[in-house]
Amino acid sequence: MGKNLFIIGNGFDLNFGLSTRVNDFRNILKNYSIDYINALDFLQGYGVDWNEYEQSLSDIQFDELFENYYIGPDYFSDHESDRTAGSDQIQEITEQMRGAIKSALQDMISIAEEEISEIEQIPSNVFDDSIIINFNYTSTIE
């Protein structure tokens, strides 16, 4: 008998009722903030379409972000921080964006991992003699 190829994505987790939908992620992201603004609202304000969030993260409108947050340098100031304040502010905002997204994703995965312990186990021989390509964030397939 030949090998079977299984390509596993989020549908596998959803089949078991795990909380890994985009709306689950959005609900968690609301708990984080960027520059004192709800992270979900902040990111949507910069062109992130959460229905396709992985792709849309690469399409964040950084020009608009720059326009809203960049503070021009004060070359006449005696303080180095006054000359770098604008770039420092943009760096801080992008770090907050990255941190909020990463933390919300980790939270979503943690919730799903807890839910995994409650699902019925699939017999281990189902995937015998198979090749599995797994695109999930969770350990469901394990």
N, C-alpha and C. Protein backbone atom coordinates (compact mmCIF):
# COMPACT_ATOMS: atom_id res chain seq x y z
N MET A 1 0.84 -1.17 0.00
CA MET A 1 0.00 0.00 0.00
C MET A 1 0.89 1.24 0.00
N GLY A 2 0.54 2.27 -0.79
CA GLY A 2 1.31 3.50 -0.88
C GLY A 2 1.08 4.41 0.30
N LYS A 3 1.94 5.36 0.41
CA LYS A 3 1.80 6.34 1.48
C LYS A 3 0.69 7.32 1.15
N ASN A 4 0.05 7.80 2.20
CA ASN A 4 -0.97 8.83 2.06
C ASN A 4 -0.35 10.17 2.42
N LEU A 5 -0.79 11.22 1.75
CA LEU A 5 -0.34 12.56 2.06
C LEU A 5 -1.50 13.31 2.68
N PHE A 6 -1.28 13.83 3.88
CA PHE A 6 -2.27 14.64 4.56
C PHE A 6 -1.71 16.05 4.69
N ILE A 7 -2.46 17.02 4.21
CA ILE A 7 -2.10 18.42 4.38
C ILE A 7 -3.10 18.99 5.37
N ILE A 8 -2.59 19.34 6.54
CA ILE A 8 -3.44 19.73 7.66
C ILE A 8 -3.36 21.25 7.85
N GLY A 9 -4.53 21.86 7.91
CA GLY A 9 -4.62 23.29 8.17
C GLY A 9 -5.60 23.56 9.30
N ASN A 10 -6.04 24.78 9.39
CA ASN A 10 -6.92 25.17 10.49
C ASN A 10 -8.25 24.42 10.47
N GLY A 11 -8.68 23.94 9.33
CA GLY A 11 -9.92 23.16 9.26
C GLY A 11 -9.88 21.94 10.16
N PHE A 12 -8.70 21.38 10.31
CA PHE A 12 -8.53 20.22 11.19
C PHE A 12 -8.87 20.61 12.63
N ASP A 13 -8.33 21.74 13.09
CA ASP A 13 -8.63 22.22 14.44
C ASP A 13 -10.10 22.59 14.58
N LEU A 14 -10.62 23.25 13.57
CA LEU A 14 -12.02 23.67 13.62
C LEU A 14 -12.95 22.46 13.67
N ASN A 15 -12.58 21.38 13.02
CA ASN A 15 -13.36 20.15 13.05
C ASN A 15 -13.54 19.65 14.48
N PHE A 16 -12.54 19.90 15.32
CA PHE A 16 -12.61 19.46 16.70
C PHE A 16 -13.16 20.54 17.62
N GLY A 17 -13.64 21.63 17.04
CA GLY A 17 -14.27 22.70 17.82
C GLY A 17 -13.31 23.59 18.58
N LEU A 18 -12.05 23.62 18.16
CA LEU A 18 -11.07 24.46 18.85
C LEU A 18 -11.28 25.93 18.49
N SER A 19 -10.92 26.79 19.40
CA SER A 19 -11.11 28.24 19.23
C SER A 19 -9.96 28.85 18.45
N THR A 20 -9.90 28.55 17.16
CA THR A 20 -8.80 29.04 16.32
C THR A 20 -9.30 29.82 15.10
N ARG A 21 -10.51 30.32 15.19
CA ARG A 21 -11.04 31.14 14.09
C ARG A 21 -10.45 32.55 14.16
N VAL A 22 -10.53 33.28 13.07
CA VAL A 22 -10.06 34.66 13.04
C VAL A 22 -10.79 35.48 14.12
N ASN A 23 -12.09 35.24 14.30
CA ASN A 23 -12.83 35.97 15.33
C ASN A 23 -12.31 35.67 16.74
N ASP A 24 -11.85 34.45 16.97
CA ASP A 24 -11.25 34.12 18.26
C ASP A 24 -9.99 34.95 18.47
N PHE A 25 -9.18 35.04 17.43
CA PHE A 25 -7.96 35.85 17.50
C PHE A 25 -8.30 37.33 17.72
N ARG A 26 -9.28 37.82 16.98
CA ARG A 26 -9.69 39.23 17.12
C ARG A 26 -10.15 39.53 18.54
N ASN A 27 -10.93 38.63 19.12
CA ASN A 27 -11.43 38.84 20.48
C ASN A 27 -10.30 38.90 21.50
N ILE A 28 -9.26 38.15 21.28
CA ILE A 28 -8.11 38.18 22.18
C ILE A 28 -7.29 39.44 21.93
N LEU A 29 -7.13 39.82 20.67
CA LEU A 29 -6.33 40.99 20.32
C LEU A 29 -6.90 42.26 20.94
N LYS A 30 -8.21 42.28 21.15
CA LYS A 30 -8.84 43.45 21.79
C LYS A 30 -8.29 43.71 23.19
N ASN A 31 -7.71 42.69 23.82
CA ASN A 31 -7.18 42.83 25.18
C ASN A 31 -5.82 43.51 25.23
N TYR A 32 -5.25 43.76 24.08
CA TYR A 32 -3.93 44.38 24.02
C TYR A 32 -4.05 45.79 23.47
N SER A 33 -3.06 46.60 23.76
CA SER A 33 -3.11 47.98 23.26
C SER A 33 -1.81 48.34 22.56
N ILE A 34 -1.94 49.30 21.68
CA ILE A 34 -0.82 49.88 20.96
C ILE A 34 -0.96 51.38 21.12
N ASP A 35 0.04 51.99 21.70
CA ASP A 35 0.01 53.43 21.94
C ASP A 35 -1.30 53.84 22.63
N TYR A 36 -1.70 53.05 23.63
CA TYR A 36 -2.89 53.31 24.46
C TYR A 36 -4.20 53.15 23.70
N ILE A 37 -4.18 52.51 22.55
CA ILE A 37 -5.38 52.27 21.75
C ILE A 37 -5.58 50.76 21.65
N ASN A 38 -6.82 50.30 21.68
CA ASN A 38 -7.12 48.89 21.50
C ASN A 38 -6.38 48.38 20.26
N ALA A 39 -5.62 47.30 20.39
CA ALA A 39 -4.78 46.80 19.31
C ALA A 39 -5.57 46.47 18.05
N LEU A 40 -6.74 45.88 18.21
CA LEU A 40 -7.56 45.55 17.05
C LEU A 40 -7.98 46.81 16.31
N ASP A 41 -8.47 47.80 17.04
CA ASP A 41 -8.86 49.07 16.41
C ASP A 41 -7.67 49.76 15.76
N PHE A 42 -6.55 49.74 16.44
CA PHE A 42 -5.35 50.38 15.92
C PHE A 42 -4.94 49.75 14.59
N LEU A 43 -4.85 48.42 14.58
CA LEU A 43 -4.39 47.73 13.37
C LEU A 43 -5.38 47.88 12.22
N GLN A 44 -6.68 47.84 12.52
CA GLN A 44 -7.66 48.02 11.45
C GLN A 44 -7.57 49.42 10.87
N GLY A 45 -7.15 50.38 11.69
CA GLY A 45 -6.98 51.74 11.21
C GLY A 45 -5.85 51.89 10.21
N TYR A 46 -4.98 50.88 10.14
CA TYR A 46 -3.86 50.93 9.21
C TYR A 46 -3.99 49.88 8.11
N GLY A 47 -5.20 49.53 7.76
CA GLY A 47 -5.43 48.71 6.58
C GLY A 47 -5.34 47.21 6.77
N VAL A 48 -5.35 46.73 8.00
CA VAL A 48 -5.27 45.29 8.21
C VAL A 48 -6.68 44.71 8.12
N ASP A 49 -6.86 43.80 7.18
CA ASP A 49 -8.14 43.11 7.00
C ASP A 49 -8.03 41.78 7.73
N TRP A 50 -8.70 41.67 8.86
CA TRP A 50 -8.51 40.50 9.69
C TRP A 50 -9.13 39.24 9.13
N ASN A 51 -9.89 39.34 8.08
CA ASN A 51 -10.38 38.10 7.44
C ASN A 51 -9.23 37.40 6.73
N GLU A 52 -8.22 38.15 6.35
CA GLU A 52 -7.02 37.60 5.71
C GLU A 52 -5.80 38.11 6.47
N TYR A 53 -5.83 38.00 7.80
CA TYR A 53 -4.87 38.74 8.61
C TYR A 53 -3.42 38.38 8.35
N GLU A 54 -3.08 37.13 8.07
CA GLU A 54 -1.68 36.79 7.86
C GLU A 54 -1.11 37.53 6.66
N GLN A 55 -1.84 37.54 5.56
CA GLN A 55 -1.39 38.27 4.38
C GLN A 55 -1.45 39.77 4.61
N SER A 56 -2.51 40.22 5.26
CA SER A 56 -2.70 41.67 5.40
C SER A 56 -1.67 42.31 6.33
N LEU A 57 -1.05 41.52 7.21
CA LEU A 57 -0.01 42.10 8.05
C LEU A 57 1.14 42.64 7.21
N SER A 58 1.36 42.02 6.08
CA SER A 58 2.42 42.52 5.20
C SER A 58 1.97 43.75 4.42
N ASP A 59 0.68 44.06 4.49
CA ASP A 59 0.13 45.20 3.75
C ASP A 59 -0.22 46.38 4.65
N ILE A 60 0.29 46.40 5.88
CA ILE A 60 0.01 47.53 6.78
C ILE A 60 0.47 48.81 6.11
N GLN A 61 -0.34 49.83 6.20
CA GLN A 61 -0.06 51.10 5.55
C GLN A 61 0.95 51.90 6.38
N PHE A 62 2.23 51.59 6.21
CA PHE A 62 3.25 52.25 7.02
C PHE A 62 3.41 53.73 6.67
N ASP A 63 3.05 54.13 5.45
CA ASP A 63 3.10 55.55 5.12
C ASP A 63 2.15 56.34 6.03
N GLU A 64 0.96 55.81 6.22
CA GLU A 64 -0.02 56.47 7.08
C GLU A 64 0.45 56.44 8.53
N LEU A 65 1.01 55.33 8.95
CA LEU A 65 1.56 55.22 10.29
C LEU A 65 2.64 56.28 10.49
N PHE A 66 3.50 56.43 9.52
CA PHE A 66 4.57 57.43 9.58
C PHE A 66 3.99 58.84 9.68
N GLU A 67 2.98 59.12 8.86
CA GLU A 67 2.35 60.45 8.88
C GLU A 67 1.74 60.76 10.25
N ASN A 68 1.14 59.77 10.88
CA ASN A 68 0.46 59.99 12.16
C ASN A 68 1.40 60.04 13.36
N TYR A 69 2.55 59.38 13.28
CA TYR A 69 3.38 59.25 14.46
C TYR A 69 4.78 59.86 14.35
N TYR A 70 5.20 60.18 13.17
CA TYR A 70 6.57 60.68 13.05
C TYR A 70 6.69 62.09 13.60
N ILE A 71 7.66 62.30 14.46
CA ILE A 71 7.96 63.60 15.02
C ILE A 71 9.29 64.03 14.41
N GLY A 72 9.29 65.14 13.74
CA GLY A 72 10.52 65.61 13.10
C GLY A 72 11.61 65.89 14.12
N PRO A 73 12.86 65.73 13.72
CA PRO A 73 13.97 65.95 14.64
C PRO A 73 14.17 67.43 14.96
N ASP A 74 14.63 67.67 16.14
CA ASP A 74 14.99 69.03 16.56
C ASP A 74 16.52 69.09 16.55
N TYR A 75 17.08 69.52 15.43
CA TYR A 75 18.53 69.53 15.26
C TYR A 75 19.21 70.57 16.15
N PHE A 76 18.46 71.51 16.68
CA PHE A 76 19.05 72.55 17.51
C PHE A 76 19.07 72.20 18.99
N SER A 77 18.45 71.09 19.33
CA SER A 77 18.39 70.68 20.73
C SER A 77 19.73 70.13 21.19
N ASP A 78 20.00 70.32 22.47
CA ASP A 78 21.21 69.77 23.08
C ASP A 78 21.03 68.30 23.47
N HIS A 79 19.81 67.80 23.36
CA HIS A 79 19.50 66.43 23.77
C HIS A 79 19.42 65.52 22.56
N GLU A 80 20.19 64.47 22.59
CA GLU A 80 20.19 63.49 21.50
C GLU A 80 18.78 62.94 21.27
N SER A 81 18.03 62.72 22.34
CA SER A 81 16.69 62.15 22.22
C SER A 81 15.76 63.05 21.40
N ASP A 82 15.98 64.34 21.42
CA ASP A 82 15.16 65.25 20.60
C ASP A 82 15.45 65.10 19.12
N ARG A 83 16.65 64.65 18.80
CA ARG A 83 17.02 64.49 17.38
C ARG A 83 16.57 63.13 16.83
N THR A 84 16.32 62.18 17.73
CA THR A 84 15.91 60.84 17.28
C THR A 84 14.50 60.48 17.69
N ALA A 85 13.76 61.42 18.26
CA ALA A 85 12.43 61.12 18.81
C ALA A 85 11.49 60.51 17.78
N GLY A 86 11.49 61.03 16.56
CA GLY A 86 10.57 60.53 15.53
C GLY A 86 10.81 59.08 15.18
N SER A 87 12.06 58.74 14.91
CA SER A 87 12.36 57.35 14.56
C SER A 87 12.17 56.43 15.76
N ASP A 88 12.47 56.95 16.96
CA ASP A 88 12.26 56.14 18.16
C ASP A 88 10.77 55.85 18.36
N GLN A 89 9.91 56.84 18.09
CA GLN A 89 8.46 56.67 18.25
C GLN A 89 7.93 55.63 17.26
N ILE A 90 8.36 55.71 15.99
CA ILE A 90 7.91 54.73 14.99
C ILE A 90 8.38 53.33 15.37
N GLN A 91 9.62 53.22 15.84
CA GLN A 91 10.13 51.92 16.26
C GLN A 91 9.31 51.37 17.44
N GLU A 92 8.96 52.22 18.39
CA GLU A 92 8.17 51.80 19.54
C GLU A 92 6.79 51.31 19.11
N ILE A 93 6.15 52.04 18.21
CA ILE A 93 4.81 51.65 17.73
C ILE A 93 4.88 50.31 17.01
N THR A 94 5.85 50.12 16.14
CA THR A 94 5.94 48.84 15.41
C THR A 94 6.27 47.70 16.36
N GLU A 95 7.08 47.95 17.39
CA GLU A 95 7.35 46.92 18.39
C GLU A 95 6.08 46.57 19.17
N GLN A 96 5.27 47.57 19.50
CA GLN A 96 4.01 47.31 20.19
C GLN A 96 3.07 46.51 19.29
N MET A 97 3.04 46.82 18.00
CA MET A 97 2.21 46.07 17.06
C MET A 97 2.64 44.61 17.03
N ARG A 98 3.93 44.40 16.86
CA ARG A 98 4.47 43.04 16.81
C ARG A 98 4.17 42.30 18.11
N GLY A 99 4.38 42.97 19.24
CA GLY A 99 4.14 42.34 20.54
C GLY A 99 2.68 41.98 20.75
N ALA A 100 1.77 42.87 20.37
CA ALA A 100 0.34 42.59 20.54
C ALA A 100 -0.09 41.41 19.69
N ILE A 101 0.35 41.38 18.45
CA ILE A 101 -0.01 40.27 17.55
C ILE A 101 0.55 38.96 18.07
N LYS A 102 1.82 38.97 18.45
CA LYS A 102 2.46 37.75 18.95
C LYS A 102 1.79 37.26 20.23
N SER A 103 1.52 38.17 21.16
CA SER A 103 0.90 37.77 22.43
C SER A 103 -0.52 37.24 22.23
N ALA A 104 -1.28 37.91 21.37
CA ALA A 104 -2.65 37.46 21.11
C ALA A 104 -2.64 36.08 20.45
N LEU A 105 -1.72 35.86 19.53
CA LEU A 105 -1.63 34.56 18.87
C LEU A 105 -1.23 33.48 19.88
N GLN A 106 -0.28 33.80 20.75
CA GLN A 106 0.12 32.84 21.78
C GLN A 106 -1.04 32.53 22.72
N ASP A 107 -1.82 33.55 23.07
CA ASP A 107 -2.99 33.32 23.93
C ASP A 107 -4.00 32.42 23.24
N MET A 108 -4.26 32.67 21.95
CA MET A 108 -5.21 31.86 21.21
C MET A 108 -4.74 30.40 21.16
N ILE A 109 -3.45 30.21 20.93
CA ILE A 109 -2.90 28.85 20.88
C ILE A 109 -3.02 28.19 22.25
N SER A 110 -2.75 28.92 23.32
CA SER A 110 -2.86 28.35 24.67
C SER A 110 -4.28 27.89 24.97
N ILE A 111 -5.25 28.70 24.57
CA ILE A 111 -6.66 28.33 24.77
C ILE A 111 -6.98 27.06 23.98
N ALA A 112 -6.53 27.02 22.73
CA ALA A 112 -6.78 25.84 21.89
C ALA A 112 -6.09 24.60 22.45
N GLU A 113 -4.88 24.78 22.97
CA GLU A 113 -4.15 23.64 23.56
C GLU A 113 -4.90 23.08 24.77
N GLU A 114 -5.49 23.95 25.57
CA GLU A 114 -6.31 23.48 26.69
C GLU A 114 -7.52 22.71 26.18
N GLU A 115 -8.10 23.19 25.10
CA GLU A 115 -9.28 22.53 24.52
C GLU A 115 -8.92 21.16 23.93
N ILE A 116 -7.68 21.03 23.46
CA ILE A 116 -7.24 19.75 22.86
C ILE A 116 -7.35 18.63 23.88
N SER A 117 -7.04 18.93 25.12
CA SER A 117 -7.08 17.88 26.15
C SER A 117 -8.49 17.34 26.36
N GLU A 118 -9.49 18.07 25.90
CA GLU A 118 -10.88 17.66 26.09
C GLU A 118 -11.45 16.88 24.90
N ILE A 119 -10.70 16.80 23.79
CA ILE A 119 -11.24 16.11 22.62
C ILE A 119 -10.88 14.63 22.66
N GLU A 120 -11.70 13.87 21.99
CA GLU A 120 -11.48 12.43 21.93
C GLU A 120 -10.27 12.16 21.04
N GLN A 121 -9.44 11.24 21.47
CA GLN A 121 -8.24 10.91 20.72
C GLN A 121 -8.58 10.14 19.45
N ILE A 122 -7.87 10.46 18.40
CA ILE A 122 -7.98 9.71 17.15
C ILE A 122 -7.05 8.50 17.30
N PRO A 123 -7.48 7.33 16.87
CA PRO A 123 -6.57 6.17 16.95
C PRO A 123 -5.25 6.50 16.25
N SER A 124 -4.15 6.17 16.90
CA SER A 124 -2.83 6.56 16.40
C SER A 124 -2.49 5.92 15.05
N ASN A 125 -3.11 4.82 14.72
CA ASN A 125 -2.77 4.14 13.46
C ASN A 125 -3.43 4.78 12.23
N VAL A 126 -4.25 5.80 12.42
CA VAL A 126 -4.91 6.47 11.29
C VAL A 126 -3.88 7.06 10.35
N PHE A 127 -2.78 7.55 10.90
CA PHE A 127 -1.77 8.20 10.08
C PHE A 127 -0.56 7.31 9.80
N ASP A 128 -0.68 6.00 10.09
CA ASP A 128 0.42 5.09 9.78
C ASP A 128 0.73 5.12 8.29
N ASP A 129 1.99 5.02 7.99
CA ASP A 129 2.47 5.00 6.61
C ASP A 129 1.98 6.23 5.84
N SER A 130 1.98 7.37 6.50
CA SER A 130 1.51 8.61 5.89
C SER A 130 2.56 9.70 6.02
N ILE A 131 2.44 10.64 5.15
CA ILE A 131 3.24 11.87 5.22
C ILE A 131 2.27 12.98 5.59
N ILE A 132 2.65 13.78 6.58
CA ILE A 132 1.77 14.83 7.06
C ILE A 132 2.49 16.18 6.92
N ILE A 133 1.83 17.11 6.27
CA ILE A 133 2.30 18.49 6.22
C ILE A 133 1.31 19.28 7.05
N ASN A 134 1.82 19.88 8.12
CA ASN A 134 0.96 20.52 9.10
C ASN A 134 1.18 22.04 9.10
N PHE A 135 0.13 22.81 8.84
CA PHE A 135 0.19 24.27 8.86
C PHE A 135 -0.46 24.85 10.10
N ASN A 136 -0.79 24.04 11.07
CA ASN A 136 -1.48 24.51 12.27
C ASN A 136 -0.52 25.14 13.26
N TYR A 137 -1.06 26.05 14.06
CA TYR A 137 -0.31 26.63 15.16
C TYR A 137 -0.35 25.73 16.39
N THR A 138 -1.31 24.83 16.41
CA THR A 138 -1.53 24.00 17.60
C THR A 138 -0.87 22.63 17.43
N SER A 139 -0.92 21.86 18.50
CA SER A 139 -0.34 20.51 18.48
C SER A 139 -1.42 19.45 18.24
N THR A 140 -2.53 19.80 17.66
CA THR A 140 -3.65 18.88 17.48
C THR A 140 -3.20 17.58 16.80
N ILE A 141 -2.42 17.69 15.77
CA ILE A 141 -2.02 16.51 14.99
C ILE A 141 -1.14 15.57 15.83
N GLU A 142 -0.37 16.14 16.74
CA GLU A 142 0.47 15.30 17.59
C GLU A 142 -0.40 14.46 18.50
